[in-house]
Amino acid sequence: APARPPMPPPEYQPPGKVRDRWYIGFGIGGGGGSVSGQGETFDFEDLNLGRDPSTAFLNFKVGATLTPRLLLGLDIGAIASVADEGGVSSGVSIANVDVVATFFPMEKGLFLRGGLGRSGLTITAEGPGIGTRETSVDGFNVLGGIGWAFWLGRSFNLTVNLDLSRQWYGSSTNLPEDSSFGALWLGFDWY
C-alpha cells in the first residue's frame, strides 16, 4: 500500500488574551473639584484666586489578579490645578493613596472601580502683596469609578476611566474639612 502523505502542520493560532497574575498601569487626564470648610465651598478656580487654572490628573497602579474578573491593588491618583498670572502663582492639589478593587462583570470591556485610603490636600499662593501662603491637611477618602478597557495586545489595554473621589480631613475652625474631585482619564495598563 502506498504511504500516506504527512499531515499538514496545524494552522498558527496566536496566543489568547488572558490576564497575568499581576498588573501595572498609569494614566493621565483632567478634571475638576472643590474644597469645603466652615460651611463654604470653593471650586478650583476660586482657590486659584478667581483665575482660569490648568488642571491635570495622574494615576499609577499595581496589583494582583485574583480572578479573571477581579483585580486588587495599590492605586495612587493625584489631581493638581495651577494658575500663574501677573507674578502671582497659585495651586491646589489632592493626592490619594488607595487600596482599589477593579471588577470586570463580563471579564473584558466594562469595569467598575472602588477603593479607600489616605489623602492629602495642599493649597498654595505666592506673589507680591500676598507673600507666600500654604495650607496642607491629611485625611482619608473613598473612590468610585467606571470605565472601559480596549484590549489591544496579548496583555496591553487602553482604558477610558471616569473616577469620583471624596476626601475628609476632620473638623476645623480655619482649615479645609473635606474636598472632592472628578477625573476623566486615559489609562495604559498591562494586565
N, C-alpha and C. Protein backbone atom coordinates (compact mmCIF):
# COMPACT_ATOMS: atom_id res chain seq x y z
N ALA A 1 0.84 -1.17 0.00
CA ALA A 1 0.00 0.00 0.00
C ALA A 1 0.88 1.23 0.00
N PRO A 2 0.45 2.23 -0.75
CA PRO A 2 1.28 3.45 -0.78
C PRO A 2 1.27 4.13 0.60
N ALA A 3 2.35 4.81 0.89
CA ALA A 3 2.48 5.53 2.17
C ALA A 3 1.52 6.72 2.19
N ARG A 4 0.97 6.95 3.33
CA ARG A 4 0.06 8.08 3.47
C ARG A 4 0.87 9.37 3.50
N PRO A 5 0.39 10.43 2.84
CA PRO A 5 1.14 11.69 2.89
C PRO A 5 1.11 12.25 4.31
N PRO A 6 2.17 12.98 4.68
CA PRO A 6 2.19 13.55 6.04
C PRO A 6 1.06 14.56 6.21
N MET A 7 0.60 14.65 7.45
CA MET A 7 -0.46 15.61 7.78
C MET A 7 0.11 17.02 7.70
N PRO A 8 -0.67 17.97 7.19
CA PRO A 8 -0.16 19.35 7.17
C PRO A 8 -0.03 19.87 8.60
N PRO A 9 0.91 20.80 8.82
CA PRO A 9 1.05 21.35 10.18
C PRO A 9 -0.21 22.11 10.55
N PRO A 10 -0.52 22.15 11.84
CA PRO A 10 -1.72 22.89 12.25
C PRO A 10 -1.55 24.38 11.94
N GLU A 11 -2.67 25.01 11.65
CA GLU A 11 -2.65 26.44 11.36
C GLU A 11 -2.25 27.20 12.61
N TYR A 12 -1.44 28.24 12.43
CA TYR A 12 -0.96 29.04 13.57
C TYR A 12 -2.12 29.73 14.26
N GLN A 13 -2.17 29.59 15.55
CA GLN A 13 -3.16 30.28 16.37
C GLN A 13 -2.42 31.22 17.31
N PRO A 14 -2.66 32.54 17.21
CA PRO A 14 -1.98 33.45 18.13
C PRO A 14 -2.43 33.16 19.57
N PRO A 15 -1.54 33.43 20.54
CA PRO A 15 -1.93 33.18 21.93
C PRO A 15 -3.14 34.02 22.31
N GLY A 16 -3.98 33.46 23.15
CA GLY A 16 -5.19 34.15 23.59
C GLY A 16 -4.88 35.32 24.51
N LYS A 17 -5.86 36.19 24.66
CA LYS A 17 -5.72 37.35 25.54
C LYS A 17 -6.17 36.93 26.94
N VAL A 18 -5.20 36.77 27.81
CA VAL A 18 -5.50 36.36 29.18
C VAL A 18 -4.76 37.29 30.13
N ARG A 19 -5.34 37.49 31.31
CA ARG A 19 -4.70 38.34 32.31
C ARG A 19 -3.60 37.56 33.02
N ASP A 20 -2.53 38.26 33.30
CA ASP A 20 -1.43 37.71 34.09
C ASP A 20 -1.83 37.74 35.56
N ARG A 21 -0.97 37.20 36.42
CA ARG A 21 -1.25 37.22 37.87
C ARG A 21 -1.09 38.62 38.45
N TRP A 22 -0.32 39.48 37.77
CA TRP A 22 -0.05 40.84 38.25
C TRP A 22 -0.44 41.84 37.19
N TYR A 23 -0.67 43.07 37.60
CA TYR A 23 -0.94 44.13 36.64
C TYR A 23 -0.21 45.39 37.07
N ILE A 24 0.01 46.27 36.10
CA ILE A 24 0.63 47.57 36.34
C ILE A 24 0.06 48.53 35.30
N GLY A 25 -0.07 49.79 35.66
CA GLY A 25 -0.59 50.76 34.71
C GLY A 25 -0.38 52.18 35.17
N PHE A 26 -0.57 53.09 34.23
CA PHE A 26 -0.50 54.51 34.55
C PHE A 26 -1.50 55.24 33.67
N GLY A 27 -1.84 56.46 34.07
CA GLY A 27 -2.82 57.21 33.30
C GLY A 27 -2.65 58.70 33.44
N ILE A 28 -3.30 59.42 32.52
CA ILE A 28 -3.24 60.87 32.52
C ILE A 28 -4.57 61.41 31.99
N GLY A 29 -4.99 62.54 32.56
CA GLY A 29 -6.24 63.15 32.12
C GLY A 29 -6.47 64.48 32.78
N GLY A 30 -7.71 64.85 32.94
CA GLY A 30 -8.07 66.13 33.53
C GLY A 30 -9.31 65.99 34.38
N GLY A 31 -9.72 67.09 34.97
CA GLY A 31 -10.90 67.05 35.82
C GLY A 31 -11.11 68.35 36.55
N GLY A 32 -11.83 68.27 37.64
CA GLY A 32 -12.12 69.43 38.46
C GLY A 32 -12.54 69.00 39.84
N GLY A 33 -12.64 69.96 40.73
CA GLY A 33 -13.02 69.61 42.09
C GLY A 33 -13.34 70.82 42.93
N SER A 34 -13.53 70.54 44.22
CA SER A 34 -13.85 71.61 45.16
C SER A 34 -13.34 71.26 46.54
N VAL A 35 -13.24 72.29 47.38
CA VAL A 35 -12.79 72.15 48.77
C VAL A 35 -13.79 72.88 49.64
N SER A 36 -14.15 72.27 50.79
CA SER A 36 -15.14 72.85 51.69
C SER A 36 -14.60 72.97 53.10
N GLY A 37 -15.14 73.94 53.82
CA GLY A 37 -14.81 74.11 55.22
C GLY A 37 -15.62 75.24 55.81
N GLN A 38 -16.02 75.10 57.07
CA GLN A 38 -16.79 76.11 57.79
C GLN A 38 -18.05 76.55 57.03
N GLY A 39 -18.68 75.59 56.36
CA GLY A 39 -19.92 75.86 55.66
C GLY A 39 -19.79 76.50 54.29
N GLU A 40 -18.57 76.70 53.80
CA GLU A 40 -18.36 77.30 52.49
C GLU A 40 -17.67 76.30 51.57
N THR A 41 -17.97 76.40 50.26
CA THR A 41 -17.36 75.53 49.25
C THR A 41 -16.72 76.39 48.17
N PHE A 42 -15.50 76.02 47.79
CA PHE A 42 -14.74 76.75 46.77
C PHE A 42 -14.29 75.76 45.70
N ASP A 43 -14.53 76.11 44.42
CA ASP A 43 -14.04 75.24 43.36
C ASP A 43 -12.59 75.58 43.05
N PHE A 44 -11.99 74.83 42.13
CA PHE A 44 -10.56 75.02 41.83
C PHE A 44 -10.27 76.42 41.29
N GLU A 45 -11.20 77.03 40.55
CA GLU A 45 -10.99 78.39 40.06
C GLU A 45 -10.96 79.38 41.22
N ASP A 46 -11.88 79.22 42.18
CA ASP A 46 -11.88 80.09 43.37
C ASP A 46 -10.56 79.99 44.12
N LEU A 47 -10.07 78.76 44.27
CA LEU A 47 -8.83 78.54 45.03
C LEU A 47 -7.60 79.04 44.28
N ASN A 48 -7.73 79.27 42.98
CA ASN A 48 -6.66 79.87 42.19
C ASN A 48 -6.92 81.36 41.99
N LEU A 49 -7.48 81.99 43.01
CA LEU A 49 -7.69 83.43 43.08
C LEU A 49 -8.57 83.94 41.94
N GLY A 50 -9.56 83.12 41.53
CA GLY A 50 -10.51 83.53 40.51
C GLY A 50 -9.99 83.44 39.10
N ARG A 51 -8.80 82.89 38.91
CA ARG A 51 -8.23 82.78 37.57
C ARG A 51 -8.51 81.40 36.99
N ASP A 52 -8.53 81.29 35.67
CA ASP A 52 -8.80 80.03 34.99
C ASP A 52 -7.55 79.13 35.11
N PRO A 53 -7.62 78.03 35.88
CA PRO A 53 -6.42 77.22 36.10
C PRO A 53 -6.23 76.13 35.04
N SER A 54 -5.03 75.60 34.98
CA SER A 54 -4.72 74.40 34.21
C SER A 54 -4.79 73.23 35.20
N THR A 55 -5.53 72.19 34.83
CA THR A 55 -5.75 71.07 35.74
C THR A 55 -5.34 69.77 35.06
N ALA A 56 -4.62 68.92 35.79
CA ALA A 56 -4.19 67.62 35.27
C ALA A 56 -4.38 66.56 36.34
N PHE A 57 -4.65 65.34 35.88
CA PHE A 57 -4.80 64.18 36.76
C PHE A 57 -3.78 63.13 36.35
N LEU A 58 -3.10 62.53 37.32
CA LEU A 58 -2.14 61.45 37.07
C LEU A 58 -2.51 60.24 37.92
N ASN A 59 -2.26 59.04 37.38
CA ASN A 59 -2.57 57.81 38.09
C ASN A 59 -1.46 56.79 37.88
N PHE A 60 -1.19 56.02 38.94
CA PHE A 60 -0.30 54.86 38.85
C PHE A 60 -0.92 53.75 39.66
N LYS A 61 -0.89 52.53 39.12
CA LYS A 61 -1.46 51.41 39.86
C LYS A 61 -0.66 50.14 39.63
N VAL A 62 -0.69 49.29 40.65
CA VAL A 62 -0.03 47.99 40.57
C VAL A 62 -0.78 47.05 41.51
N GLY A 63 -0.90 45.79 41.12
CA GLY A 63 -1.62 44.87 41.99
C GLY A 63 -1.67 43.46 41.44
N ALA A 64 -2.60 42.68 41.99
CA ALA A 64 -2.72 41.26 41.67
C ALA A 64 -4.06 40.98 41.00
N THR A 65 -4.05 39.98 40.12
CA THR A 65 -5.28 39.48 39.51
C THR A 65 -5.76 38.33 40.38
N LEU A 66 -6.87 38.52 41.09
CA LEU A 66 -7.39 37.49 41.98
C LEU A 66 -8.20 36.45 41.22
N THR A 67 -9.01 36.90 40.26
CA THR A 67 -9.78 36.02 39.38
C THR A 67 -9.81 36.70 38.01
N PRO A 68 -10.31 36.02 36.96
CA PRO A 68 -10.38 36.70 35.65
C PRO A 68 -11.23 37.97 35.67
N ARG A 69 -12.08 38.15 36.70
CA ARG A 69 -12.94 39.32 36.76
C ARG A 69 -12.55 40.32 37.85
N LEU A 70 -11.68 39.95 38.78
CA LEU A 70 -11.41 40.80 39.94
C LEU A 70 -9.92 41.06 40.12
N LEU A 71 -9.57 42.36 40.20
CA LEU A 71 -8.20 42.80 40.46
C LEU A 71 -8.19 43.56 41.78
N LEU A 72 -7.08 43.47 42.51
CA LEU A 72 -6.94 44.20 43.77
C LEU A 72 -5.53 44.74 43.85
N GLY A 73 -5.40 46.05 44.15
CA GLY A 73 -4.06 46.60 44.20
C GLY A 73 -3.98 47.98 44.81
N LEU A 74 -2.78 48.55 44.72
CA LEU A 74 -2.46 49.88 45.21
C LEU A 74 -2.65 50.86 44.07
N ASP A 75 -3.35 51.95 44.34
CA ASP A 75 -3.69 52.93 43.33
C ASP A 75 -3.31 54.31 43.86
N ILE A 76 -2.48 55.03 43.13
CA ILE A 76 -2.08 56.38 43.52
C ILE A 76 -2.64 57.34 42.46
N GLY A 77 -3.48 58.27 42.90
CA GLY A 77 -4.06 59.25 41.99
C GLY A 77 -3.89 60.65 42.54
N ALA A 78 -3.56 61.59 41.67
CA ALA A 78 -3.37 62.97 42.12
C ALA A 78 -3.92 63.93 41.07
N ILE A 79 -4.64 64.94 41.54
CA ILE A 79 -5.12 65.99 40.67
C ILE A 79 -4.51 67.30 41.14
N ALA A 80 -4.04 68.10 40.19
CA ALA A 80 -3.42 69.39 40.52
C ALA A 80 -3.99 70.45 39.59
N SER A 81 -4.29 71.61 40.16
CA SER A 81 -4.85 72.73 39.42
C SER A 81 -4.02 73.96 39.76
N VAL A 82 -3.40 74.57 38.75
CA VAL A 82 -2.48 75.68 38.99
C VAL A 82 -2.78 76.85 38.06
N ALA A 83 -2.42 78.04 38.52
CA ALA A 83 -2.52 79.26 37.71
C ALA A 83 -1.31 80.13 38.02
N ASP A 84 -0.80 80.80 37.00
CA ASP A 84 0.36 81.69 37.16
C ASP A 84 0.12 82.89 36.25
N GLU A 85 -0.15 84.03 36.88
CA GLU A 85 -0.51 85.21 36.09
C GLU A 85 -0.11 86.46 36.86
N GLY A 86 0.49 87.41 36.17
CA GLY A 86 0.85 88.69 36.77
C GLY A 86 1.78 88.56 37.96
N GLY A 87 2.67 87.59 37.93
CA GLY A 87 3.62 87.41 39.02
C GLY A 87 3.06 86.69 40.23
N VAL A 88 1.79 86.28 40.15
CA VAL A 88 1.16 85.55 41.26
C VAL A 88 0.91 84.12 40.81
N SER A 89 1.44 83.17 41.57
CA SER A 89 1.19 81.76 41.27
C SER A 89 0.35 81.16 42.39
N SER A 90 -0.53 80.24 42.01
CA SER A 90 -1.40 79.59 42.98
C SER A 90 -1.65 78.16 42.54
N GLY A 91 -2.10 77.34 43.47
CA GLY A 91 -2.38 75.96 43.12
C GLY A 91 -3.12 75.23 44.22
N VAL A 92 -3.78 74.17 43.80
CA VAL A 92 -4.43 73.25 44.73
C VAL A 92 -4.17 71.85 44.21
N SER A 93 -3.83 70.94 45.11
CA SER A 93 -3.60 69.56 44.71
C SER A 93 -4.18 68.61 45.75
N ILE A 94 -4.72 67.50 45.25
CA ILE A 94 -5.27 66.45 46.10
C ILE A 94 -4.62 65.14 45.66
N ALA A 95 -4.07 64.40 46.60
CA ALA A 95 -3.43 63.11 46.30
C ALA A 95 -4.07 62.02 47.14
N ASN A 96 -4.39 60.90 46.49
CA ASN A 96 -4.95 59.73 47.16
C ASN A 96 -4.00 58.54 47.01
N VAL A 97 -3.83 57.79 48.07
CA VAL A 97 -3.15 56.50 48.03
C VAL A 97 -4.16 55.49 48.54
N ASP A 98 -4.66 54.63 47.63
CA ASP A 98 -5.81 53.78 47.93
C ASP A 98 -5.55 52.30 47.67
N VAL A 99 -6.29 51.47 48.37
CA VAL A 99 -6.46 50.07 48.01
C VAL A 99 -7.71 50.03 47.15
N VAL A 100 -7.58 49.53 45.91
CA VAL A 100 -8.69 49.59 44.95
C VAL A 100 -8.98 48.21 44.40
N ALA A 101 -10.26 47.86 44.35
CA ALA A 101 -10.73 46.65 43.68
C ALA A 101 -11.32 47.06 42.34
N THR A 102 -10.94 46.34 41.29
CA THR A 102 -11.47 46.58 39.94
C THR A 102 -12.20 45.32 39.51
N PHE A 103 -13.47 45.48 39.14
CA PHE A 103 -14.32 44.34 38.78
C PHE A 103 -14.76 44.44 37.32
N PHE A 104 -14.52 43.39 36.56
CA PHE A 104 -14.93 43.29 35.16
C PHE A 104 -16.14 42.35 35.10
N PRO A 105 -17.37 42.86 35.04
CA PRO A 105 -18.54 41.98 35.05
C PRO A 105 -18.56 40.96 33.91
N MET A 106 -18.01 41.33 32.74
CA MET A 106 -18.00 40.44 31.58
C MET A 106 -16.59 39.95 31.26
N GLU A 107 -15.67 40.08 32.20
CA GLU A 107 -14.25 39.73 32.08
C GLU A 107 -13.46 40.69 31.20
N LYS A 108 -14.07 41.30 30.21
CA LYS A 108 -13.40 42.26 29.33
C LYS A 108 -14.33 43.44 29.11
N GLY A 109 -13.75 44.56 28.69
CA GLY A 109 -14.58 45.73 28.39
C GLY A 109 -14.92 46.53 29.63
N LEU A 110 -16.20 46.54 30.00
CA LEU A 110 -16.69 47.34 31.11
C LEU A 110 -16.04 46.92 32.43
N PHE A 111 -15.66 47.94 33.24
CA PHE A 111 -15.17 47.65 34.58
C PHE A 111 -15.65 48.72 35.56
N LEU A 112 -15.72 48.32 36.83
CA LEU A 112 -16.08 49.20 37.94
C LEU A 112 -14.94 49.19 38.93
N ARG A 113 -14.67 50.37 39.52
CA ARG A 113 -13.58 50.51 40.49
C ARG A 113 -14.12 51.05 41.80
N GLY A 114 -13.57 50.58 42.90
CA GLY A 114 -13.94 51.12 44.20
C GLY A 114 -12.78 50.95 45.17
N GLY A 115 -12.57 51.95 46.01
CA GLY A 115 -11.46 51.84 46.95
C GLY A 115 -11.53 52.88 48.04
N LEU A 116 -10.57 52.78 48.94
CA LEU A 116 -10.44 53.75 50.03
C LEU A 116 -8.99 53.80 50.47
N GLY A 117 -8.65 54.93 51.12
CA GLY A 117 -7.27 55.10 51.56
C GLY A 117 -7.01 56.47 52.15
N ARG A 118 -5.75 56.86 52.13
CA ARG A 118 -5.29 58.13 52.71
C ARG A 118 -5.28 59.21 51.64
N SER A 119 -5.44 60.47 52.10
CA SER A 119 -5.46 61.63 51.20
C SER A 119 -4.68 62.78 51.78
N GLY A 120 -4.22 63.63 50.89
CA GLY A 120 -3.58 64.88 51.29
C GLY A 120 -4.03 66.00 50.39
N LEU A 121 -4.25 67.17 50.97
CA LEU A 121 -4.67 68.36 50.23
C LEU A 121 -3.67 69.47 50.52
N THR A 122 -3.22 70.16 49.46
CA THR A 122 -2.34 71.31 49.62
C THR A 122 -2.87 72.46 48.77
N ILE A 123 -2.95 73.65 49.38
CA ILE A 123 -3.37 74.86 48.69
C ILE A 123 -2.25 75.88 48.86
N THR A 124 -1.78 76.47 47.76
CA THR A 124 -0.67 77.43 47.83
C THR A 124 -1.01 78.71 47.07
N ALA A 125 -0.36 79.80 47.47
CA ALA A 125 -0.44 81.08 46.75
C ALA A 125 0.84 81.84 47.07
N GLU A 126 1.41 82.48 46.05
CA GLU A 126 2.66 83.22 46.25
C GLU A 126 2.71 84.37 45.25
N GLY A 127 3.11 85.53 45.73
CA GLY A 127 3.27 86.67 44.84
C GLY A 127 3.32 87.97 45.61
N PRO A 128 3.58 89.08 44.89
CA PRO A 128 3.64 90.39 45.52
C PRO A 128 2.30 90.75 46.16
N GLY A 129 2.36 91.29 47.34
CA GLY A 129 1.16 91.71 48.03
C GLY A 129 0.49 90.63 48.86
N ILE A 130 0.80 89.33 48.55
CA ILE A 130 0.20 88.25 49.35
C ILE A 130 1.26 87.40 50.05
N GLY A 131 2.53 87.58 49.66
CA GLY A 131 3.60 86.80 50.26
C GLY A 131 3.49 85.34 49.85
N THR A 132 3.85 84.45 50.75
CA THR A 132 3.78 83.01 50.49
C THR A 132 2.82 82.39 51.49
N ARG A 133 1.79 81.71 50.97
CA ARG A 133 0.82 81.04 51.83
C ARG A 133 0.72 79.58 51.40
N GLU A 134 0.67 78.68 52.40
CA GLU A 134 0.48 77.26 52.11
C GLU A 134 -0.35 76.63 53.21
N THR A 135 -1.34 75.86 52.81
CA THR A 135 -2.19 75.13 53.74
C THR A 135 -2.17 73.67 53.33
N SER A 136 -1.88 72.78 54.26
CA SER A 136 -1.86 71.34 53.98
C SER A 136 -2.63 70.60 55.07
N VAL A 137 -3.43 69.63 54.66
CA VAL A 137 -4.17 68.78 55.60
C VAL A 137 -4.14 67.35 55.07
N ASP A 138 -4.27 66.39 55.98
CA ASP A 138 -4.30 64.97 55.64
C ASP A 138 -5.59 64.36 56.14
N GLY A 139 -6.04 63.31 55.47
CA GLY A 139 -7.26 62.63 55.88
C GLY A 139 -7.42 61.31 55.17
N PHE A 140 -8.67 60.94 54.90
CA PHE A 140 -8.95 59.69 54.20
C PHE A 140 -9.97 59.95 53.11
N ASN A 141 -10.14 58.96 52.21
CA ASN A 141 -11.02 59.15 51.05
C ASN A 141 -11.71 57.85 50.68
N VAL A 142 -12.75 57.99 49.86
CA VAL A 142 -13.36 56.88 49.14
C VAL A 142 -13.32 57.23 47.66
N LEU A 143 -13.21 56.19 46.84
CA LEU A 143 -13.07 56.35 45.39
C LEU A 143 -14.05 55.42 44.70
N GLY A 144 -14.70 55.91 43.67
CA GLY A 144 -15.54 55.08 42.81
C GLY A 144 -15.28 55.44 41.37
N GLY A 145 -15.38 54.45 40.49
CA GLY A 145 -15.11 54.74 39.09
C GLY A 145 -15.75 53.72 38.17
N ILE A 146 -15.82 54.10 36.92
CA ILE A 146 -16.34 53.23 35.86
C ILE A 146 -15.47 53.46 34.64
N GLY A 147 -15.35 52.44 33.80
CA GLY A 147 -14.54 52.61 32.60
C GLY A 147 -14.71 51.47 31.63
N TRP A 148 -13.93 51.56 30.55
CA TRP A 148 -13.95 50.54 29.50
C TRP A 148 -12.52 50.25 29.11
N ALA A 149 -12.17 48.97 29.03
CA ALA A 149 -10.83 48.54 28.64
C ALA A 149 -10.86 48.01 27.21
N PHE A 150 -10.05 48.61 26.35
CA PHE A 150 -9.88 48.15 24.98
C PHE A 150 -8.64 47.26 24.95
N TRP A 151 -8.82 45.96 24.77
CA TRP A 151 -7.71 45.01 24.80
C TRP A 151 -7.01 45.05 23.46
N LEU A 152 -5.80 45.64 23.41
CA LEU A 152 -5.10 45.88 22.15
C LEU A 152 -3.97 44.89 21.87
N GLY A 153 -3.45 44.24 22.86
CA GLY A 153 -2.37 43.28 22.68
C GLY A 153 -2.62 42.08 23.56
N ARG A 154 -1.63 41.19 23.66
CA ARG A 154 -1.82 40.00 24.48
C ARG A 154 -2.16 40.36 25.92
N SER A 155 -1.52 41.43 26.45
CA SER A 155 -1.82 41.85 27.82
C SER A 155 -2.02 43.36 27.96
N PHE A 156 -1.86 44.12 26.86
CA PHE A 156 -1.96 45.58 26.94
C PHE A 156 -3.40 46.03 26.72
N ASN A 157 -3.86 46.95 27.58
CA ASN A 157 -5.19 47.54 27.48
C ASN A 157 -5.08 49.06 27.49
N LEU A 158 -5.84 49.71 26.63
CA LEU A 158 -6.04 51.15 26.69
C LEU A 158 -7.39 51.34 27.36
N THR A 159 -7.44 52.11 28.44
CA THR A 159 -8.69 52.25 29.19
C THR A 159 -9.16 53.70 29.19
N VAL A 160 -10.46 53.87 29.22
CA VAL A 160 -11.10 55.17 29.41
C VAL A 160 -11.76 55.10 30.78
N ASN A 161 -11.42 56.04 31.66
CA ASN A 161 -11.85 55.99 33.06
C ASN A 161 -12.56 57.28 33.47
N LEU A 162 -13.57 57.13 34.31
CA LEU A 162 -14.20 58.25 34.98
C LEU A 162 -14.20 57.92 36.47
N ASP A 163 -13.46 58.68 37.25
CA ASP A 163 -13.35 58.46 38.69
C ASP A 163 -13.94 59.64 39.45
N LEU A 164 -14.59 59.34 40.57
CA LEU A 164 -15.06 60.35 41.51
C LEU A 164 -14.48 59.99 42.87
N SER A 165 -14.01 61.00 43.60
CA SER A 165 -13.40 60.75 44.89
C SER A 165 -13.82 61.83 45.88
N ARG A 166 -14.01 61.40 47.13
CA ARG A 166 -14.38 62.33 48.21
C ARG A 166 -13.40 62.15 49.35
N GLN A 167 -12.89 63.27 49.89
CA GLN A 167 -11.92 63.25 50.98
C GLN A 167 -12.48 63.95 52.20
N TRP A 168 -12.07 63.47 53.39
CA TRP A 168 -12.44 64.09 54.66
C TRP A 168 -11.18 64.34 55.47
N TYR A 169 -11.08 65.54 56.06
CA TYR A 169 -9.88 65.94 56.80
C TYR A 169 -10.15 66.23 58.27
N GLY A 170 -11.37 66.08 58.71
CA GLY A 170 -11.69 66.34 60.11
C GLY A 170 -12.27 67.72 60.31
N SER A 171 -12.85 67.91 61.46
CA SER A 171 -13.49 69.18 61.80
C SER A 171 -12.44 70.24 62.14
N SER A 172 -12.68 71.49 61.72
CA SER A 172 -11.72 72.55 61.97
C SER A 172 -12.44 73.89 61.98
N THR A 173 -11.84 74.86 62.64
CA THR A 173 -12.40 76.21 62.64
C THR A 173 -11.77 77.10 61.57
N ASN A 174 -10.63 76.67 60.99
CA ASN A 174 -9.98 77.52 60.00
C ASN A 174 -9.30 76.75 58.86
N LEU A 175 -9.36 75.42 58.83
CA LEU A 175 -8.72 74.63 57.78
C LEU A 175 -9.78 73.91 56.94
N PRO A 176 -9.41 73.46 55.72
CA PRO A 176 -10.37 72.69 54.92
C PRO A 176 -10.83 71.44 55.68
N GLU A 177 -12.11 71.12 55.54
CA GLU A 177 -12.68 69.96 56.23
C GLU A 177 -12.95 68.79 55.29
N ASP A 178 -13.22 69.07 54.01
CA ASP A 178 -13.39 67.99 53.04
C ASP A 178 -13.16 68.54 51.64
N SER A 179 -13.04 67.62 50.69
CA SER A 179 -12.85 68.00 49.29
C SER A 179 -13.39 66.87 48.42
N SER A 180 -13.50 67.15 47.14
CA SER A 180 -13.92 66.12 46.19
C SER A 180 -13.36 66.48 44.82
N PHE A 181 -13.22 65.46 43.98
CA PHE A 181 -12.83 65.72 42.60
C PHE A 181 -13.38 64.63 41.69
N GLY A 182 -13.49 65.00 40.42
CA GLY A 182 -13.83 64.07 39.36
C GLY A 182 -12.75 64.14 38.32
N ALA A 183 -12.41 62.99 37.73
CA ALA A 183 -11.35 62.95 36.71
C ALA A 183 -11.76 62.04 35.56
N LEU A 184 -11.56 62.51 34.36
CA LEU A 184 -11.73 61.72 33.15
C LEU A 184 -10.34 61.50 32.58
N TRP A 185 -9.94 60.22 32.41
CA TRP A 185 -8.54 59.97 32.05
C TRP A 185 -8.37 58.71 31.21
N LEU A 186 -7.25 58.68 30.50
CA LEU A 186 -6.84 57.51 29.71
C LEU A 186 -5.83 56.72 30.51
N GLY A 187 -5.99 55.39 30.52
CA GLY A 187 -5.06 54.53 31.22
C GLY A 187 -4.32 53.64 30.24
N PHE A 188 -3.09 53.30 30.58
CA PHE A 188 -2.25 52.41 29.79
C PHE A 188 -1.86 51.27 30.73
N ASP A 189 -2.53 50.13 30.58
CA ASP A 189 -2.46 49.07 31.58
C ASP A 189 -1.98 47.75 30.96
N TRP A 190 -1.16 47.06 31.73
CA TRP A 190 -0.71 45.72 31.38
C TRP A 190 -1.26 44.77 32.42
N TYR A 191 -2.25 43.94 32.02
CA TYR A 191 -2.90 43.00 32.94
C TYR A 191 -2.27 41.63 32.78
